[in-house]
């Protein structure tokens, strides 16, 4: 993981990976682990505002990039609105 930021309804992750990595499996693992962790650490807040059985929906978007530097990508991710 290189950087992370987000907006009210989604997050942006900047990460480096090996070409052999199965991206759908990676995204599934990230969502699974973060859901368990967030529900554990912030149970009262989540239960007060969120009633669904799943925290993340199944959709995601991945884009690879060429022709830009990691610092340019980091600037883009850092420029997103950080959730409260």
PDB file of N, CA and C in Angstrom:
ATOM      1  N   UNK A   1       0.852  -1.162   0.000  1.00  0.00           N
ATOM      2  CA  UNK A   1       0.000   0.000   0.000  1.00  0.00           C
ATOM      3  C   UNK A   1       0.900   1.227   0.000  1.00  0.00           C
ATOM      4  N   UNK A   2       0.668   2.093  -0.954  1.00  0.00           N
ATOM      5  CA  UNK A   2       1.458   3.311  -1.055  1.00  0.00           C
ATOM      6  C   UNK A   2       0.707   4.490  -0.458  1.00  0.00           C
ATOM      7  N   UNK A   3      -0.588   4.581  -0.757  1.00  0.00           N
ATOM      8  CA  UNK A   3      -1.373   5.708  -0.259  1.00  0.00           C
ATOM      9  C   UNK A   3      -2.848   5.326  -0.265  1.00  0.00           C
ATOM     10  N   UNK A   4      -3.627   6.083   0.493  1.00  0.00           N
ATOM     11  CA  UNK A   4      -5.067   5.838   0.579  1.00  0.00           C
ATOM     12  C   UNK A   4      -5.758   7.141   0.934  1.00  0.00           C
ATOM     13  N   UNK A   5      -6.904   7.372   0.350  1.00  0.00           N
ATOM     14  CA  UNK A   5      -7.739   8.512   0.701  1.00  0.00           C
ATOM     15  C   UNK A   5      -9.135   8.194   0.186  1.00  0.00           C
ATOM     16  N   UNK A   6     -10.070   9.064   0.371  1.00  0.00           N
ATOM     17  CA  UNK A   6     -11.401   8.724  -0.075  1.00  0.00           C
ATOM     18  C   UNK A   6     -12.349   9.888  -0.096  1.00  0.00           C
ATOM     19  N   UNK A   7     -13.553   9.559  -0.470  1.00  0.00           N
ATOM     20  CA  UNK A   7     -14.640  10.512  -0.490  1.00  0.00           C
ATOM     21  C   UNK A   7     -15.770   9.922   0.332  1.00  0.00           C
ATOM     22  N   UNK A   8     -16.903  10.578   0.337  1.00  0.00           N
ATOM     23  CA  UNK A   8     -18.008  10.139   1.189  1.00  0.00           C
ATOM     24  C   UNK A   8     -18.484   8.733   0.850  1.00  0.00           C
ATOM     25  N   UNK A   9     -18.461   8.365  -0.426  1.00  0.00           N
ATOM     26  CA  UNK A   9     -19.036   7.077  -0.805  1.00  0.00           C
ATOM     27  C   UNK A   9     -18.051   6.103  -1.446  1.00  0.00           C
ATOM     28  N   UNK A  10     -16.768   6.416  -1.439  1.00  0.00           N
ATOM     29  CA  UNK A  10     -15.783   5.468  -1.956  1.00  0.00           C
ATOM     30  C   UNK A  10     -14.376   5.845  -1.495  1.00  0.00           C
ATOM     31  N   UNK A  11     -13.458   4.911  -1.665  1.00  0.00           N
ATOM     32  CA  UNK A  11     -12.075   5.159  -1.285  1.00  0.00           C
ATOM     33  C   UNK A  11     -11.164   4.971  -2.489  1.00  0.00           C
ATOM     34  N   UNK A  12      -9.982   5.551  -2.391  1.00  0.00           N
ATOM     35  CA  UNK A  12      -8.953   5.402  -3.403  1.00  0.00           C
ATOM     36  C   UNK A  12      -7.757   4.739  -2.735  1.00  0.00           C
ATOM     37  N   UNK A  13      -7.275   3.659  -3.329  1.00  0.00           N
ATOM     38  CA  UNK A  13      -6.079   2.991  -2.835  1.00  0.00           C
ATOM     39  C   UNK A  13      -5.025   3.040  -3.928  1.00  0.00           C
ATOM     40  N   UNK A  14      -3.823   3.379  -3.561  1.00  0.00           N
ATOM     41  CA  UNK A  14      -2.696   3.338  -4.486  1.00  0.00           C
ATOM     42  C   UNK A  14      -1.770   2.247  -3.964  1.00  0.00           C
ATOM     43  N   UNK A  15      -1.601   1.196  -4.757  1.00  0.00           N
ATOM     44  CA  UNK A  15      -0.778   0.088  -4.302  1.00  0.00           C
ATOM     45  C   UNK A  15       0.058  -0.460  -5.454  1.00  0.00           C
ATOM     46  N   UNK A  16       1.148  -1.066  -5.073  1.00  0.00           N
ATOM     47  CA  UNK A  16       2.022  -1.719  -6.041  1.00  0.00           C
ATOM     48  C   UNK A  16       1.841  -3.223  -5.858  1.00  0.00           C
ATOM     49  N   UNK A  17       1.852  -3.960  -6.958  1.00  0.00           N
ATOM     50  CA  UNK A  17       1.619  -5.397  -6.853  1.00  0.00           C
ATOM     51  C   UNK A  17       2.429  -6.138  -7.906  1.00  0.00           C
ATOM     52  N   UNK A  18       2.595  -7.424  -7.664  1.00  0.00           N
ATOM     53  CA  UNK A  18       3.262  -8.287  -8.629  1.00  0.00           C
ATOM     54  C   UNK A  18       2.263  -8.692  -9.704  1.00  0.00           C
ATOM     55  N   UNK A  19       2.703  -8.844 -10.939  1.00  0.00           N
ATOM     56  CA  UNK A  19       1.779  -9.206 -12.023  1.00  0.00           C
ATOM     57  C   UNK A  19       1.046 -10.533 -11.794  1.00  0.00           C
ATOM     58  N   UNK A  20       1.612 -11.412 -10.978  1.00  0.00           N
ATOM     59  CA  UNK A  20       0.981 -12.711 -10.720  1.00  0.00           C
ATOM     60  C   UNK A  20      -0.193 -12.620  -9.746  1.00  0.00           C
ATOM     61  N   UNK A  21      -0.344 -11.486  -9.096  1.00  0.00           N
ATOM     62  CA  UNK A  21      -1.412 -11.321  -8.110  1.00  0.00           C
ATOM     63  C   UNK A  21      -2.772 -11.279  -8.789  1.00  0.00           C
ATOM     64  N   UNK A  22      -3.705 -12.034  -8.281  1.00  0.00           N
ATOM     65  CA  UNK A  22      -5.080 -12.002  -8.774  1.00  0.00           C
ATOM     66  C   UNK A  22      -5.775 -10.785  -8.155  1.00  0.00           C
ATOM     67  N   UNK A  23      -6.006  -9.752  -8.972  1.00  0.00           N
ATOM     68  CA  UNK A  23      -6.586  -8.512  -8.440  1.00  0.00           C
ATOM     69  C   UNK A  23      -7.981  -8.698  -7.854  1.00  0.00           C
ATOM     70  N   UNK A  24      -8.877  -9.463  -8.495  1.00  0.00           N
ATOM     71  CA  UNK A  24     -10.188  -9.672  -7.852  1.00  0.00           C
ATOM     72  C   UNK A  24     -10.069 -10.320  -6.464  1.00  0.00           C
ATOM     73  N   UNK A  25      -9.160 -11.269  -6.324  1.00  0.00           N
ATOM     74  CA  UNK A  25      -8.968 -11.908  -5.023  1.00  0.00           C
ATOM     75  C   UNK A  25      -8.378 -10.913  -4.023  1.00  0.00           C
ATOM     76  N   UNK A  26      -7.436 -10.089  -4.466  1.00  0.00           N
ATOM     77  CA  UNK A  26      -6.848  -9.073  -3.611  1.00  0.00           C
ATOM     78  C   UNK A  26      -7.911  -8.100  -3.106  1.00  0.00           C
ATOM     79  N   UNK A  27      -8.754  -7.598  -4.016  1.00  0.00           N
ATOM     80  CA  UNK A  27      -9.810  -6.654  -3.634  1.00  0.00           C
ATOM     81  C   UNK A  27     -10.772  -7.323  -2.653  1.00  0.00           C
ATOM     82  N   UNK A  28     -11.148  -8.564  -2.921  1.00  0.00           N
ATOM     83  CA  UNK A  28     -12.022  -9.298  -2.003  1.00  0.00           C
ATOM     84  C   UNK A  28     -11.416  -9.421  -0.619  1.00  0.00           C
ATOM     85  N   UNK A  29     -10.126  -9.713  -0.564  1.00  0.00           N
ATOM     86  CA  UNK A  29      -9.448  -9.823   0.731  1.00  0.00           C
ATOM     87  C   UNK A  29      -9.396  -8.484   1.454  1.00  0.00           C
ATOM     88  N   UNK A  30      -9.094  -7.414   0.731  1.00  0.00           N
ATOM     89  CA  UNK A  30      -9.055  -6.077   1.351  1.00  0.00           C
ATOM     90  C   UNK A  30     -10.429  -5.731   1.922  1.00  0.00           C
ATOM     91  N   UNK A  31     -11.471  -5.967   1.151  1.00  0.00           N
ATOM     92  CA  UNK A  31     -12.823  -5.647   1.623  1.00  0.00           C
ATOM     93  C   UNK A  31     -13.213  -6.500   2.827  1.00  0.00           C
ATOM     94  N   UNK A  32     -12.866  -7.772   2.793  1.00  0.00           N
ATOM     95  CA  UNK A  32     -13.209  -8.671   3.886  1.00  0.00           C
ATOM     96  C   UNK A  32     -12.500  -8.274   5.180  1.00  0.00           C
ATOM     97  N   UNK A  33     -11.205  -8.058   5.089  1.00  0.00           N
ATOM     98  CA  UNK A  33     -10.424  -7.711   6.285  1.00  0.00           C
ATOM     99  C   UNK A  33     -10.838  -6.351   6.841  1.00  0.00           C
ATOM    100  N   UNK A  34     -11.001  -5.358   5.966  1.00  0.00           N
ATOM    101  CA  UNK A  34     -11.374  -4.031   6.462  1.00  0.00           C
ATOM    102  C   UNK A  34     -12.779  -4.020   7.042  1.00  0.00           C
ATOM    103  N   UNK A  35     -13.677  -4.785   6.471  1.00  0.00           N
ATOM    104  CA  UNK A  35     -15.033  -4.859   7.008  1.00  0.00           C
ATOM    105  C   UNK A  35     -15.024  -5.434   8.422  1.00  0.00           C
ATOM    106  N   UNK A  36     -14.325  -6.548   8.594  1.00  0.00           N
ATOM    107  CA  UNK A  36     -14.239  -7.154   9.932  1.00  0.00           C
ATOM    108  C   UNK A  36     -13.597  -6.197  10.929  1.00  0.00           C
ATOM    109  N   UNK A  37     -12.530  -5.542  10.512  1.00  0.00           N
ATOM    110  CA  UNK A  37     -11.800  -4.640  11.407  1.00  0.00           C
ATOM    111  C   UNK A  37     -12.646  -3.425  11.779  1.00  0.00           C
ATOM    112  N   UNK A  38     -13.286  -2.812  10.784  1.00  0.00           N
ATOM    113  CA  UNK A  38     -14.121  -1.644  11.065  1.00  0.00           C
ATOM    114  C   UNK A  38     -15.308  -1.997  11.944  1.00  0.00           C
ATOM    115  N   UNK A  39     -15.950  -3.128  11.662  1.00  0.00           N
ATOM    116  CA  UNK A  39     -17.096  -3.545  12.480  1.00  0.00           C
ATOM    117  C   UNK A  39     -16.675  -3.871  13.913  1.00  0.00           C
ATOM    118  N   UNK A  40     -15.470  -4.358  14.074  1.00  0.00           N
ATOM    119  CA  UNK A  40     -14.954  -4.667  15.405  1.00  0.00           C
ATOM    120  C   UNK A  40     -14.607  -3.399  16.172  1.00  0.00           C
ATOM    121  N   UNK A  41     -13.890  -2.487  15.534  1.00  0.00           N
ATOM    122  CA  UNK A  41     -13.408  -1.292  16.221  1.00  0.00           C
ATOM    123  C   UNK A  41     -14.464  -0.199  16.373  1.00  0.00           C
ATOM    124  N   UNK A  42     -15.417  -0.132  15.448  1.00  0.00           N
ATOM    125  CA  UNK A  42     -16.404   0.947  15.461  1.00  0.00           C
ATOM    126  C   UNK A  42     -17.835   0.404  15.453  1.00  0.00           C
ATOM    127  N   UNK A  43     -18.057  -0.664  16.179  1.00  0.00           N
ATOM    128  CA  UNK A  43     -19.346  -1.356  16.165  1.00  0.00           C
ATOM    129  C   UNK A  43     -20.512  -0.430  16.502  1.00  0.00           C
ATOM    130  N   UNK A  44     -20.391   0.371  17.545  1.00  0.00           N
ATOM    131  CA  UNK A  44     -21.499   1.237  17.953  1.00  0.00           C
ATOM    132  C   UNK A  44     -21.866   2.233  16.861  1.00  0.00           C
ATOM    133  N   UNK A  45     -20.879   2.878  16.297  1.00  0.00           N
ATOM    134  CA  UNK A  45     -21.132   3.875  15.251  1.00  0.00           C
ATOM    135  C   UNK A  45     -21.718   3.235  14.007  1.00  0.00           C
ATOM    136  N   UNK A  46     -21.134   2.137  13.575  1.00  0.00           N
ATOM    137  CA  UNK A  46     -21.621   1.467  12.358  1.00  0.00           C
ATOM    138  C   UNK A  46     -23.036   0.951  12.562  1.00  0.00           C
ATOM    139  N   UNK A  47     -23.303   0.333  13.684  1.00  0.00           N
ATOM    140  CA  UNK A  47     -24.640  -0.211  13.935  1.00  0.00           C
ATOM    141  C   UNK A  47     -25.703   0.877  14.056  1.00  0.00           C
ATOM    142  N   UNK A  48     -25.318   2.057  14.477  1.00  0.00           N
ATOM    143  CA  UNK A  48     -26.251   3.169  14.593  1.00  0.00           C
ATOM    144  C   UNK A  48     -26.665   3.727  13.230  1.00  0.00           C
ATOM    145  N   UNK A  49     -25.742   3.695  12.277  1.00  0.00           N
ATOM    146  CA  UNK A  49     -25.974   4.351  10.989  1.00  0.00           C
ATOM    147  C   UNK A  49     -26.103   3.412   9.804  1.00  0.00           C
ATOM    148  N   UNK A  50     -25.815   2.152   9.993  1.00  0.00           N
ATOM    149  CA  UNK A  50     -25.746   1.238   8.853  1.00  0.00           C
ATOM    150  C   UNK A  50     -26.405  -0.070   9.211  1.00  0.00           C
ATOM    151  N   UNK A  51     -27.402  -0.480   8.452  1.00  0.00           N
ATOM    152  CA  UNK A  51     -28.198  -1.655   8.806  1.00  0.00           C
ATOM    153  C   UNK A  51     -27.942  -2.892   7.938  1.00  0.00           C
ATOM    154  N   UNK A  52     -27.183  -2.750   6.866  1.00  0.00           N
ATOM    155  CA  UNK A  52     -26.980  -3.881   5.962  1.00  0.00           C
ATOM    156  C   UNK A  52     -26.011  -4.904   6.553  1.00  0.00           C
ATOM    157  N   UNK A  53     -26.128  -6.143   6.093  1.00  0.00           N
ATOM    158  CA  UNK A  53     -25.259  -7.215   6.589  1.00  0.00           C
ATOM    159  C   UNK A  53     -23.830  -7.092   6.065  1.00  0.00           C
ATOM    160  N   UNK A  54     -23.659  -6.436   4.932  1.00  0.00           N
ATOM    161  CA  UNK A  54     -22.328  -6.270   4.353  1.00  0.00           C
ATOM    162  C   UNK A  54     -21.949  -4.796   4.407  1.00  0.00           C
ATOM    163  N   UNK A  55     -20.657  -4.537   4.606  1.00  0.00           N
ATOM    164  CA  UNK A  55     -20.209  -3.158   4.683  1.00  0.00           C
ATOM    165  C   UNK A  55     -19.893  -2.610   3.296  1.00  0.00           C
ATOM    166  N   UNK A  56     -19.174  -3.371   2.503  1.00  0.00           N
ATOM    167  CA  UNK A  56     -18.796  -2.944   1.152  1.00  0.00           C
ATOM    168  C   UNK A  56     -19.715  -3.605   0.136  1.00  0.00           C
ATOM    169  N   UNK A  57     -19.989  -2.928  -0.970  1.00  0.00           N
ATOM    170  CA  UNK A  57     -20.701  -3.622  -2.035  1.00  0.00           C
ATOM    171  C   UNK A  57     -19.679  -4.361  -2.885  1.00  0.00           C
ATOM    172  N   UNK A  58     -20.119  -5.158  -3.826  1.00  0.00           N
ATOM    173  CA  UNK A  58     -19.188  -6.021  -4.557  1.00  0.00           C
ATOM    174  C   UNK A  58     -18.472  -5.316  -5.709  1.00  0.00           C
ATOM    175  N   UNK A  59     -18.821  -4.101  -6.016  1.00  0.00           N
ATOM    176  CA  UNK A  59     -18.197  -3.425  -7.155  1.00  0.00           C
ATOM    177  C   UNK A  59     -16.853  -2.806  -6.780  1.00  0.00           C
ATOM    178  N   UNK A  60     -16.015  -2.654  -7.780  1.00  0.00           N
ATOM    179  CA  UNK A  60     -14.741  -1.970  -7.622  1.00  0.00           C
ATOM    180  C   UNK A  60     -14.232  -1.564  -8.996  1.00  0.00           C
ATOM    181  N   UNK A  61     -13.284  -0.653  -9.006  1.00  0.00           N
ATOM    182  CA  UNK A  61     -12.669  -0.189 -10.241  1.00  0.00           C
ATOM    183  C   UNK A  61     -11.163  -0.198 -10.033  1.00  0.00           C
ATOM    184  N   UNK A  62     -10.448  -0.794 -10.973  1.00  0.00           N
ATOM    185  CA  UNK A  62      -8.990  -0.817 -10.921  1.00  0.00           C
ATOM    186  C   UNK A  62      -8.477  -0.262 -12.233  1.00  0.00           C
ATOM    187  N   UNK A  63      -7.490   0.600 -12.138  1.00  0.00           N
ATOM    188  CA  UNK A  63      -6.847   1.137 -13.339  1.00  0.00           C
ATOM    189  C   UNK A  63      -5.347   1.034 -13.160  1.00  0.00           C
ATOM    190  N   UNK A  64      -4.701   0.555 -14.181  1.00  0.00           N
ATOM    191  CA  UNK A  64      -3.243   0.577 -14.162  1.00  0.00           C
ATOM    192  C   UNK A  64      -2.812   1.843 -14.891  1.00  0.00           C
ATOM    193  N   UNK A  65      -1.593   2.226 -14.688  1.00  0.00           N
ATOM    194  CA  UNK A  65      -1.183   3.490 -15.297  1.00  0.00           C
ATOM    195  C   UNK A  65       0.245   3.370 -15.831  1.00  0.00           C
ATOM    196  N   UNK A  66       0.472   4.086 -16.849  1.00  0.00           N
ATOM    197  CA  UNK A  66       1.791   4.199 -17.426  1.00  0.00           C
ATOM    198  C   UNK A  66       1.982   5.650 -17.837  1.00  0.00           C
ATOM    199  N   UNK A  67       3.197   6.085 -17.855  1.00  0.00           N
ATOM    200  CA  UNK A  67       3.456   7.451 -18.277  1.00  0.00           C
ATOM    201  C   UNK A  67       3.315   8.494 -17.197  1.00  0.00           C
ATOM    202  N   UNK A  68       2.991   8.071 -15.973  1.00  0.00           N
ATOM    203  CA  UNK A  68       2.947   9.004 -14.847  1.00  0.00           C
ATOM    204  C   UNK A  68       3.807   8.426 -13.735  1.00  0.00           C
ATOM    205  N   UNK A  69       4.261   9.286 -12.873  1.00  0.00           N
ATOM    206  CA  UNK A  69       5.098   8.834 -11.755  1.00  0.00           C
ATOM    207  C   UNK A  69       4.231   8.480 -10.556  1.00  0.00           C
ATOM    208  N   UNK A  70       4.802   7.731  -9.646  1.00  0.00           N
ATOM    209  CA  UNK A  70       4.097   7.394  -8.411  1.00  0.00           C
ATOM    210  C   UNK A  70       3.770   8.670  -7.638  1.00  0.00           C
ATOM    211  N   UNK A  71       4.656   9.644  -7.671  1.00  0.00           N
ATOM    212  CA  UNK A  71       4.369  10.895  -6.947  1.00  0.00           C
ATOM    213  C   UNK A  71       3.172  11.626  -7.553  1.00  0.00           C
ATOM    214  N   UNK A  72       2.987  11.563  -8.871  1.00  0.00           N
ATOM    215  CA  UNK A  72       1.806  12.169  -9.495  1.00  0.00           C
ATOM    216  C   UNK A  72       0.540  11.433  -9.061  1.00  0.00           C
ATOM    217  N   UNK A  73       0.599  10.122  -9.006  1.00  0.00           N
ATOM    218  CA  UNK A  73      -0.558   9.348  -8.549  1.00  0.00           C
ATOM    219  C   UNK A  73      -0.856   9.642  -7.084  1.00  0.00           C
ATOM    220  N   UNK A  74       0.192   9.733  -6.275  1.00  0.00           N
ATOM    221  CA  UNK A  74       0.014  10.036  -4.855  1.00  0.00           C
ATOM    222  C   UNK A  74      -0.628  11.412  -4.681  1.00  0.00           C
ATOM    223  N   UNK A  75      -0.234  12.366  -5.484  1.00  0.00           N
ATOM    224  CA  UNK A  75      -0.834  13.699  -5.433  1.00  0.00           C
ATOM    225  C   UNK A  75      -2.320  13.623  -5.757  1.00  0.00           C
ATOM    226  N   UNK A  76      -2.681  12.817  -6.752  1.00  0.00           N
ATOM    227  CA  UNK A  76      -4.093  12.644  -7.099  1.00  0.00           C
ATOM    228  C   UNK A  76      -4.873  12.025  -5.941  1.00  0.00           C
ATOM    229  N   UNK A  77      -4.352  10.944  -5.374  1.00  0.00           N
ATOM    230  CA  UNK A  77      -5.045  10.275  -4.266  1.00  0.00           C
ATOM    231  C   UNK A  77      -5.161  11.207  -3.072  1.00  0.00           C
ATOM    232  N   UNK A  78      -4.076  11.908  -2.745  1.00  0.00           N
ATOM    233  CA  UNK A  78      -4.102  12.831  -1.609  1.00  0.00           C
ATOM    234  C   UNK A  78      -5.081  13.988  -1.829  1.00  0.00           C
ATOM    235  N   UNK A  79      -5.395  14.303  -3.086  1.00  0.00           N
ATOM    236  CA  UNK A  79      -6.311  15.398  -3.402  1.00  0.00           C
ATOM    237  C   UNK A  79      -7.772  15.053  -3.249  1.00  0.00           C
ATOM    238  N   UNK A  80      -8.077  13.804  -2.941  1.00  0.00           N
ATOM    239  CA  UNK A  80      -9.468  13.401  -2.736  1.00  0.00           C
ATOM    240  C   UNK A  80      -9.933  13.891  -1.387  1.00  0.00           C
ATOM    241  N   UNK A  81     -11.224  14.021  -1.211  1.00  0.00           N
ATOM    242  CA  UNK A  81     -11.789  14.451   0.064  1.00  0.00           C
ATOM    243  C   UNK A  81     -11.645  13.333   1.079  1.00  0.00           C
ATOM    244  N   UNK A  82     -11.037  13.623   2.208  1.00  0.00           N
ATOM    245  CA  UNK A  82     -10.876  12.632   3.254  1.00  0.00           C
ATOM    246  C   UNK A  82     -12.178  12.547   4.036  1.00  0.00           C
ATOM    247  N   UNK A  83     -12.726  11.323   4.199  1.00  0.00           N
ATOM    248  CA  UNK A  83     -13.970  11.188   4.983  1.00  0.00           C
ATOM    249  C   UNK A  83     -13.757  11.587   6.439  1.00  0.00           C
ATOM    250  N   UNK A  84     -14.820  12.053   7.079  1.00  0.00           N
ATOM    251  CA  UNK A  84     -14.730  12.440   8.511  1.00  0.00           C
ATOM    252  C   UNK A  84     -14.523  11.225   9.372  1.00  0.00           C
TER     253      UNK A  84
END
